[in-house]
Amino acid sequence: MITEQEFTTIYNSYASKVHRLCLGYASGNNELANEWLQETFVKVWKHRNSFKGKSSIDTWIYRIAVNVCLGDLRKSRKSITINEEVLSNSIIDDNNDNDEKNIKKMYHCIEKLNEQNRALILLELENIPQATIADTVGLAHGTLRTRLSRIRKSLLKCIKNGK
């Protein structure tokens, strides 16, 4: 069982990554991403007794976050307007040589991916270990590596050609 103190530590460790993951699904809509972040951690708290430790805690949390984002998108068929300013700021870390235009293009291209591929690439962009991503989405690690490679190629093609 996760204590209140442990939950606070978990929240502090994973909230920013979960927020950025949700931001990717929300196409940069910060308000919606915050809503999904909150819902994710409400579910983590509510279901803390059901976490059996069969996977790592981060895998469990990311799975909840992906389910919250996709569930809400499916349920409401939300039309999300892309907040390009937030997207361009959220992805630039130490790598400032990426120009803003390519980042916007990349997110436009990510938008065109199917739900599972979008989940995979957004988790990858968070530098989440591939083994964790594979566990989160229920794919074999080799299958995940192949899929990520194909997604990267299609994103690169999309960014270069605008398609």
Protein backbone atom coordinates (compact mmCIF):
# COMPACT_ATOMS: atom_id res chain seq x y z
CA MET A 1 0.00 0.00 0.00
CA ILE A 2 1.23 3.46 -0.92
CA THR A 3 1.25 5.90 1.99
CA GLU A 4 0.41 9.58 1.67
CA GLN A 5 4.10 10.47 2.01
CA GLU A 6 5.08 7.94 -0.69
CA PHE A 7 2.31 9.30 -2.95
CA THR A 8 3.70 12.83 -2.55
CA THR A 9 7.17 11.57 -3.50
CA ILE A 10 5.72 9.69 -6.51
CA TYR A 11 3.77 12.77 -7.60
CA ASN A 12 6.84 15.01 -7.32
CA SER A 13 8.92 12.50 -9.30
CA TYR A 14 6.50 11.89 -12.17
CA ALA A 15 4.11 14.84 -12.46
CA SER A 16 6.21 16.87 -14.91
CA LYS A 17 6.76 13.88 -17.26
CA VAL A 18 3.08 12.93 -17.08
CA HIS A 19 2.14 16.56 -17.75
CA ARG A 20 4.34 16.70 -20.87
CA LEU A 21 2.92 13.37 -22.03
CA CYS A 22 -0.62 14.74 -21.59
CA LEU A 23 0.43 17.98 -23.29
CA GLY A 24 1.38 15.94 -26.35
CA TYR A 25 -2.07 14.34 -26.44
CA ALA A 26 -3.69 17.72 -25.81
CA SER A 27 -1.72 19.30 -28.69
CA GLY A 28 -0.24 21.89 -26.37
CA ASN A 29 -3.53 22.77 -24.64
CA ASN A 30 -2.12 23.36 -21.15
CA GLU A 31 -5.52 23.54 -19.44
CA LEU A 32 -6.54 20.16 -20.81
CA ALA A 33 -3.13 18.65 -20.01
CA ASN A 34 -3.46 19.87 -16.41
CA GLU A 35 -6.94 18.35 -16.21
CA TRP A 36 -5.61 14.99 -17.43
CA LEU A 37 -2.60 15.20 -15.10
CA GLN A 38 -4.92 15.76 -12.16
CA GLU A 39 -7.22 12.92 -13.23
CA THR A 40 -4.22 10.61 -13.64
CA PHE A 41 -2.99 11.20 -10.11
CA VAL A 42 -6.49 11.01 -8.65
CA LYS A 43 -6.68 7.52 -10.20
CA VAL A 44 -3.19 6.66 -8.92
CA TRP A 45 -4.33 7.60 -5.40
CA LYS A 46 -7.72 5.86 -5.69
CA HIS A 47 -6.23 2.65 -7.03
CA ARG A 48 -3.00 2.68 -5.01
CA ASN A 49 -4.04 -0.54 -3.28
CA SER A 50 -4.39 -2.33 -6.61
CA PHE A 51 -0.76 -1.67 -7.57
CA LYS A 52 0.85 -5.07 -7.06
CA GLY A 53 4.38 -4.20 -8.14
CA LYS A 54 4.23 -6.55 -11.15
CA SER A 55 5.55 -3.65 -13.21
CA SER A 56 7.51 -0.62 -12.09
CA ILE A 57 5.55 2.27 -10.61
CA ASP A 58 6.39 4.53 -13.56
CA THR A 59 5.03 1.99 -16.06
CA TRP A 60 1.81 1.82 -14.05
CA ILE A 61 1.49 5.62 -13.87
CA TYR A 62 2.20 6.14 -17.60
CA ARG A 63 -0.38 3.48 -18.48
CA ILE A 64 -2.98 5.31 -16.34
CA ALA A 65 -2.03 8.63 -17.98
CA VAL A 66 -2.28 7.22 -21.52
CA ASN A 67 -5.67 5.68 -20.67
CA VAL A 68 -6.93 8.96 -19.17
CA CYS A 69 -5.87 10.98 -22.23
CA LEU A 70 -7.14 8.50 -24.82
CA GLY A 71 -10.34 7.81 -22.87
CA ASP A 72 -11.20 11.49 -22.69
CA LEU A 73 -10.34 12.07 -26.36
CA ARG A 74 -12.54 9.12 -27.41
CA LYS A 75 -15.39 9.97 -25.06
CA SER A 76 -15.76 13.58 -26.07
CA ARG A 77 -14.26 13.46 -29.56
CA LYS A 78 -12.65 16.70 -28.51
CA SER A 79 -11.47 18.97 -31.24
CA ILE A 80 -8.24 20.28 -29.86
CA THR A 81 -6.67 23.42 -31.17
CA ILE A 82 -2.91 23.29 -31.24
CA ASN A 83 -1.19 25.70 -28.89
CA GLU A 84 2.08 25.99 -30.77
CA GLU A 85 3.72 28.32 -28.28
CA VAL A 86 3.40 25.80 -25.43
CA LEU A 87 4.49 22.92 -27.65
CA SER A 88 7.60 24.66 -28.84
CA ASN A 89 8.55 25.59 -25.27
CA SER A 90 7.86 22.16 -23.83
CA ILE A 91 10.11 20.21 -26.16
CA ILE A 92 13.21 22.42 -26.11
CA ASP A 93 15.51 21.23 -23.36
CA ASP A 94 19.26 21.50 -23.76
CA ASN A 95 18.99 21.15 -27.49
CA ASN A 96 18.42 24.74 -28.57
CA ASP A 97 19.73 24.16 -32.09
CA ASN A 98 16.34 22.67 -32.99
CA ASP A 99 14.56 25.52 -34.62
CA GLU A 100 11.03 26.33 -33.59
CA LYS A 101 9.60 25.70 -37.05
CA ASN A 102 10.76 22.07 -37.06
CA ILE A 103 9.32 21.51 -33.61
CA LYS A 104 5.94 22.84 -34.73
CA LYS A 105 6.13 20.66 -37.83
CA MET A 106 7.03 17.66 -35.69
CA TYR A 107 3.98 18.13 -33.47
CA HIS A 108 1.75 18.58 -36.52
CA CYS A 109 3.16 15.29 -37.81
CA ILE A 110 2.70 13.57 -34.44
CA GLU A 111 -0.94 14.68 -34.56
CA LYS A 112 -1.39 12.63 -37.75
CA LEU A 113 -0.22 9.37 -36.13
CA ASN A 114 -2.71 6.80 -34.88
CA GLU A 115 -3.36 6.69 -31.12
CA GLN A 116 -0.90 3.94 -30.26
CA ASN A 117 1.93 5.34 -32.37
CA ARG A 118 1.33 8.78 -30.87
CA ALA A 119 1.54 7.26 -27.38
CA LEU A 120 4.78 5.49 -28.26
CA ILE A 121 6.53 8.53 -29.69
CA LEU A 122 5.34 10.84 -26.89
CA LEU A 123 6.69 8.41 -24.28
CA GLU A 124 9.94 8.16 -26.28
CA LEU A 125 10.21 11.97 -26.41
CA GLU A 126 10.05 11.98 -22.61
CA ASN A 127 13.22 9.84 -22.56
CA ILE A 128 11.30 7.06 -20.87
CA PRO A 129 13.31 3.83 -21.21
CA GLN A 130 12.12 1.60 -24.05
CA ALA A 131 11.65 -1.34 -21.69
CA THR A 132 9.25 0.80 -19.62
CA ILE A 133 7.38 1.92 -22.75
CA ALA A 134 7.11 -1.71 -23.92
CA ASP A 135 5.65 -2.72 -20.54
CA THR A 136 3.32 0.28 -20.52
CA VAL A 137 1.76 -0.50 -23.90
CA GLY A 138 2.11 -4.29 -23.74
CA LEU A 139 4.52 -4.79 -26.63
CA ALA A 140 7.62 -6.96 -26.82
CA HIS A 141 10.76 -4.83 -26.62
CA GLY A 142 11.92 -5.86 -30.14
CA THR A 143 8.51 -5.03 -31.59
CA LEU A 144 8.61 -1.64 -29.87
CA ARG A 145 12.09 -0.84 -31.25
CA THR A 146 10.93 -1.69 -34.77
CA ARG A 147 7.75 0.35 -34.38
CA LEU A 148 9.63 3.38 -32.98
CA SER A 149 12.09 3.20 -35.85
CA ARG A 150 9.23 3.24 -38.38
CA ILE A 151 7.49 6.08 -36.53
CA ARG A 152 10.72 8.14 -36.52
CA LYS A 153 11.18 7.55 -40.28
CA SER A 154 7.59 8.56 -41.00
CA LEU A 155 7.92 11.67 -38.80
CA LEU A 156 11.16 12.63 -40.52
CA LYS A 157 9.52 12.22 -43.92
CA CYS A 158 6.48 14.22 -42.73
CA ILE A 159 8.66 17.02 -41.31
CA LYS A 160 10.75 17.25 -44.51
CA ASN A 161 7.85 17.03 -46.94
CA GLY A 162 5.11 18.59 -44.83
CA LYS A 163 2.99 15.45 -45.34
